[in-house]
C-alpha atoms as a PDB file:
ATOM      1  CA  MET A   1     -12.501  -6.925 -19.075  1.00  0.00           C
ATOM      2  CA  SER A   2     -15.251  -6.188 -16.563  1.00  0.00           C
ATOM      3  CA  PRO A   3     -14.822  -3.659 -13.745  1.00  0.00           C
ATOM      4  CA  LYS A   4     -15.286  -6.500 -11.264  1.00  0.00           C
ATOM      5  CA  ALA A   5     -12.371  -8.445 -12.769  1.00  0.00           C
ATOM      6  CA  LEU A   6     -10.220  -5.311 -12.955  1.00  0.00           C
ATOM      7  CA  LEU A   7     -10.901  -4.523  -9.309  1.00  0.00           C
ATOM      8  CA  ARG A   8     -10.055  -8.095  -8.347  1.00  0.00           C
ATOM      9  CA  ILE A   9      -6.738  -7.706 -10.197  1.00  0.00           C
ATOM     10  CA  ALA A  10      -6.122  -4.495  -8.232  1.00  0.00           C
ATOM     11  CA  ALA A  11      -6.978  -6.325  -4.995  1.00  0.00           C
ATOM     12  CA  ILE A  12      -4.517  -9.111  -5.798  1.00  0.00           C
ATOM     13  CA  ALA A  13      -1.771  -6.563  -6.563  1.00  0.00           C
ATOM     14  CA  ILE A  14      -2.506  -4.773  -3.279  1.00  0.00           C
ATOM     15  CA  GLY A  15      -2.473  -8.115  -1.457  1.00  0.00           C
ATOM     16  CA  LEU A  16       0.927  -9.010  -2.912  1.00  0.00           C
ATOM     17  CA  PHE A  17       2.262  -5.562  -1.991  1.00  0.00           C
ATOM     18  CA  ASP A  18       0.889  -6.006   1.544  1.00  0.00           C
ATOM     19  CA  LEU A  19       2.245  -9.539   1.929  1.00  0.00           C
ATOM     20  CA  GLY A  20       5.679  -8.589   0.643  1.00  0.00           C
ATOM     21  CA  HIS A  21       5.865  -5.509   2.829  1.00  0.00           C
ATOM     22  CA  THR A  22       4.565  -7.164   5.988  1.00  0.00           C
ATOM     23  CA  VAL A  23       6.458 -10.437   5.762  1.00  0.00           C
ATOM     24  CA  GLY A  24       9.580  -9.303   3.935  1.00  0.00           C
ATOM     25  CA  GLY A  25       9.858  -5.822   5.359  1.00  0.00           C
ATOM     26  CA  MET A  26       8.445  -6.078   8.859  1.00  0.00           C
ATOM     27  CA  ILE A  27       8.504  -9.668  10.111  1.00  0.00           C
ATOM     28  CA  LEU A  28      11.487 -11.287   8.388  1.00  0.00           C
ATOM     29  CA  ALA A  29      13.522  -8.194   7.470  1.00  0.00           C
ATOM     30  CA  PRO A  30      17.133  -9.352   7.457  1.00  0.00           C
ATOM     31  CA  SER A  31      19.994  -7.312   8.802  1.00  0.00           C
ATOM     32  CA  HIS A  32      22.170  -5.849   6.083  1.00  0.00           C
ATOM     33  CA  GLY A  33      25.256  -5.905   8.266  1.00  0.00           C
ATOM     34  CA  PRO A  34      26.852  -4.291  11.291  1.00  0.00           C
ATOM     35  CA  GLU A  35      26.622  -0.767   9.888  1.00  0.00           C
ATOM     36  CA  GLU A  36      22.849  -1.025   9.576  1.00  0.00           C
ATOM     37  CA  ASP A  37      22.583  -2.643  13.019  1.00  0.00           C
ATOM     38  CA  ALA A  38      24.582   0.234  14.534  1.00  0.00           C
ATOM     39  CA  LEU A  39      22.438   2.814  12.757  1.00  0.00           C
ATOM     40  CA  MET A  40      19.199   1.203  13.952  1.00  0.00           C
ATOM     41  CA  ALA A  41      20.566   0.986  17.505  1.00  0.00           C
ATOM     42  CA  SER A  42      21.455   4.671  17.317  1.00  0.00           C
ATOM     43  CA  LEU A  43      17.971   5.535  16.081  1.00  0.00           C
ATOM     44  CA  ALA A  44      16.472   3.560  18.981  1.00  0.00           C
ATOM     45  CA  ALA A  45      18.798   5.035  21.612  1.00  0.00           C
ATOM     46  CA  TYR A  46      17.863   8.676  21.079  1.00  0.00           C
ATOM     47  CA  LYS A  47      14.466   9.302  22.707  1.00  0.00           C
ATOM     48  CA  PHE A  48      12.587  12.580  22.589  1.00  0.00           C
ATOM     49  CA  ASP A  49       9.266  13.929  23.784  1.00  0.00           C
ATOM     50  CA  MET A  50       6.597  13.956  21.113  1.00  0.00           C
ATOM     51  CA  THR A  51       3.525  15.663  22.557  1.00  0.00           C
ATOM     52  CA  GLY A  52       3.869  13.893  25.893  1.00  0.00           C
ATOM     53  CA  SER A  53       5.139  10.521  24.656  1.00  0.00           C
ATOM     54  CA  MET A  54       8.788   9.512  24.676  1.00  0.00           C
ATOM     55  CA  ARG A  55       9.624   8.134  21.246  1.00  0.00           C
ATOM     56  CA  SER A  56      12.647   7.447  19.044  1.00  0.00           C
ATOM     57  CA  HIS A  57      13.194   7.622  15.312  1.00  0.00           C
ATOM     58  CA  ALA A  58      13.281   3.811  15.378  1.00  0.00           C
ATOM     59  CA  ASP A  59       9.763   3.885  16.861  1.00  0.00           C
ATOM     60  CA  PHE A  60       8.600   6.079  13.991  1.00  0.00           C
ATOM     61  CA  TYR A  61      10.364   3.882  11.432  1.00  0.00           C
ATOM     62  CA  ALA A  62       8.759   0.693  12.747  1.00  0.00           C
ATOM     63  CA  GLY A  63       5.420   2.371  13.373  1.00  0.00           C
ATOM     64  CA  GLU A  64       5.211   3.725   9.839  1.00  0.00           C
ATOM     65  CA  GLY A  65       6.063   0.280   8.474  1.00  0.00           C
ATOM     66  CA  TRP A  66       3.271  -1.382  10.450  1.00  0.00           C
ATOM     67  CA  TYR A  67       0.949   1.502   9.599  1.00  0.00           C
ATOM     68  CA  LEU A  68       1.545   0.884   5.875  1.00  0.00           C
ATOM     69  CA  SER A  69       0.766  -2.808   6.378  1.00  0.00           C
ATOM     70  CA  ALA A  70      -2.523  -1.890   8.076  1.00  0.00           C
ATOM     71  CA  VAL A  71      -3.443   0.607   5.334  1.00  0.00           C
ATOM     72  CA  LEU A  72      -2.684  -1.905   2.582  1.00  0.00           C
ATOM     73  CA  THR A  73      -4.811  -4.529   4.344  1.00  0.00           C
ATOM     74  CA  ALA A  74      -7.703  -2.067   4.615  1.00  0.00           C
ATOM     75  CA  LEU A  75      -7.329  -1.087   0.939  1.00  0.00           C
ATOM     76  CA  LEU A  76      -7.308  -4.748  -0.045  1.00  0.00           C
ATOM     77  CA  VAL A  77     -10.579  -5.398   1.801  1.00  0.00           C
ATOM     78  CA  ILE A  78     -12.181  -2.182   0.490  1.00  0.00           C
ATOM     79  CA  THR A  79     -11.161  -3.037  -3.072  1.00  0.00           C
ATOM     80  CA  TRP A  80     -12.554  -6.570  -2.815  1.00  0.00           C
ATOM     81  CA  MET A  81     -15.832  -5.210  -1.404  1.00  0.00           C
ATOM     82  CA  LEU A  82     -15.911  -2.588  -4.166  1.00  0.00           C
ATOM     83  CA  SER A  83     -15.490  -5.313  -6.780  1.00  0.00           C
ATOM     84  CA  SER A  84     -18.596  -7.007  -5.413  1.00  0.00           C
ATOM     85  CA  ALA A  85     -20.623  -3.788  -5.738  1.00  0.00           C
ATOM     86  CA  THR A  86     -20.035  -3.092  -9.431  1.00  0.00           C
ATOM     87  CA  LEU A  87     -23.633  -3.865 -10.413  1.00  0.00           C
ATOM     88  CA  GLU A  88     -25.395  -2.230  -7.463  1.00  0.00           C
ATOM     89  CA  ALA A  89     -23.358   0.959  -7.156  1.00  0.00           C
ATOM     90  CA  THR A  90     -21.824   1.661 -10.552  1.00  0.00           C
ATOM     91  CA  GLY A  91     -21.419   5.402  -9.990  1.00  0.00           C
ATOM     92  CA  LEU A  92     -19.816   5.010  -6.589  1.00  0.00           C
ATOM     93  CA  VAL A  93     -17.496   2.266  -7.857  1.00  0.00           C
ATOM     94  CA  LYS A  94     -16.340   4.527 -10.683  1.00  0.00           C
ATOM     95  CA  LYS A  95     -15.726   7.510  -8.368  1.00  0.00           C
ATOM     96  CA  LEU A  96     -13.842   5.459  -5.800  1.00  0.00           C
ATOM     97  CA  SER A  97     -11.856   3.745  -8.548  1.00  0.00           C
ATOM     98  CA  VAL A  98     -10.658   7.148  -9.766  1.00  0.00           C
ATOM     99  CA  VAL A  99      -9.561   8.102  -6.246  1.00  0.00           C
ATOM    100  CA  LEU A 100      -7.764   4.786  -5.778  1.00  0.00           C
ATOM    101  CA  ALA A 101      -6.168   5.000  -9.244  1.00  0.00           C
ATOM    102  CA  LEU A 102      -4.752   8.404  -8.301  1.00  0.00           C
ATOM    103  CA  PHE A 103      -3.590   7.102  -4.922  1.00  0.00           C
ATOM    104  CA  PHE A 104      -1.730   4.179  -6.484  1.00  0.00           C
ATOM    105  CA  ALA A 105      -0.265   6.433  -9.194  1.00  0.00           C
ATOM    106  CA  VAL A 106       1.216   8.552  -6.383  1.00  0.00           C
ATOM    107  CA  SER A 107       2.299   5.340  -4.657  1.00  0.00           C
ATOM    108  CA  ALA A 108       4.071   4.278  -7.866  1.00  0.00           C
ATOM    109  CA  ALA A 109       5.883   7.619  -8.068  1.00  0.00           C
ATOM    110  CA  LEU A 110       6.992   7.320  -4.439  1.00  0.00           C
ATOM    111  CA  CYS A 111       8.118   3.725  -4.963  1.00  0.00           C
ATOM    112  CA  PHE A 112      10.105   4.791  -8.029  1.00  0.00           C
ATOM    113  CA  LYS A 113      11.786   7.632  -6.126  1.00  0.00           C
ATOM    114  CA  PHE A 114      12.382   5.978  -2.740  1.00  0.00           C
ATOM    115  CA  PHE A 115      11.901   2.200  -2.893  1.00  0.00           C
ATOM    116  CA  PHE A 116      12.304  -0.582  -5.458  1.00  0.00           C
ATOM    117  CA  ILE A 117      10.747  -2.609  -8.273  1.00  0.00           C
ATOM    118  CA  ALA A 118       8.330  -4.915  -6.389  1.00  0.00           C
ATOM    119  CA  PRO A 119       6.156  -2.248  -4.712  1.00  0.00           C
ATOM    120  CA  LEU A 120       6.499  -0.084  -7.847  1.00  0.00           C
ATOM    121  CA  THR A 121       5.129  -2.909  -9.999  1.00  0.00           C
ATOM    122  CA  MET A 122       2.213  -3.660  -7.667  1.00  0.00           C
ATOM    123  CA  SER A 123       1.351   0.056  -7.456  1.00  0.00           C
ATOM    124  CA  ILE A 124       1.367   0.373 -11.259  1.00  0.00           C
ATOM    125  CA  ILE A 125      -0.832  -2.726 -11.654  1.00  0.00           C
ATOM    126  CA  ALA A 126      -3.283  -1.396  -9.061  1.00  0.00           C
ATOM    127  CA  ALA A 127      -3.335   2.117 -10.577  1.00  0.00           C
ATOM    128  CA  VAL A 128      -3.931   0.837 -14.112  1.00  0.00           C
ATOM    129  CA  SER A 129      -6.594  -1.637 -12.956  1.00  0.00           C
ATOM    130  CA  PHE A 130      -8.466   1.042 -10.998  1.00  0.00           C
ATOM    131  CA  ALA A 131      -8.227   3.490 -13.902  1.00  0.00           C
ATOM    132  CA  ALA A 132      -9.504   0.867 -16.359  1.00  0.00           C
ATOM    133  CA  ALA A 133     -12.370  -0.040 -14.018  1.00  0.00           C
ATOM    134  CA  ALA A 134     -13.309   3.647 -13.743  1.00  0.00           C
ATOM    135  CA  ALA A 135     -13.205   4.052 -17.530  1.00  0.00           C
ATOM    136  CA  ARG A 136     -15.539   1.141 -18.288  1.00  0.00           C
ATOM    137  CA  PRO A 137     -18.879   2.404 -19.641  1.00  0.00           C
ATOM    138  CA  ARG A 138     -20.914  -0.133 -17.693  1.00  0.00           C
ATOM    139  CA  ALA A 139     -20.239  -2.351 -14.696  1.00  0.00           C
ATOM    140  CA  ALA A 140     -20.532  -6.116 -15.053  1.00  0.00           C
END
């Protein structure tokens, strides 16, 4: 398979990860019951000064969730652009593919340890696709 196709597969996996996280985890995240609601209310109620800004742990929780959505969107766009540059910038595509393969391998390990099967699967697909694109002898 060509590096371009492999990078497009990685982009699709990243897009599915992003869509699932943003829609399922941030926009439509269901309550898991009164215990969770009470915990989230408690996290929101306690405010503290963080270098001049009053924040809560709920702010950090939500902020990190939206931050991940933004990062995944940026990685999706970068990966798609990278896939279009396989003929013009073979060396750069290979180097960046190695970096992104390592990133998504770490992502897979974190998903295995702290999250669940859907983001783990998308991270593995992205990592393998990036690694395969980096290993190809010639871009096409």
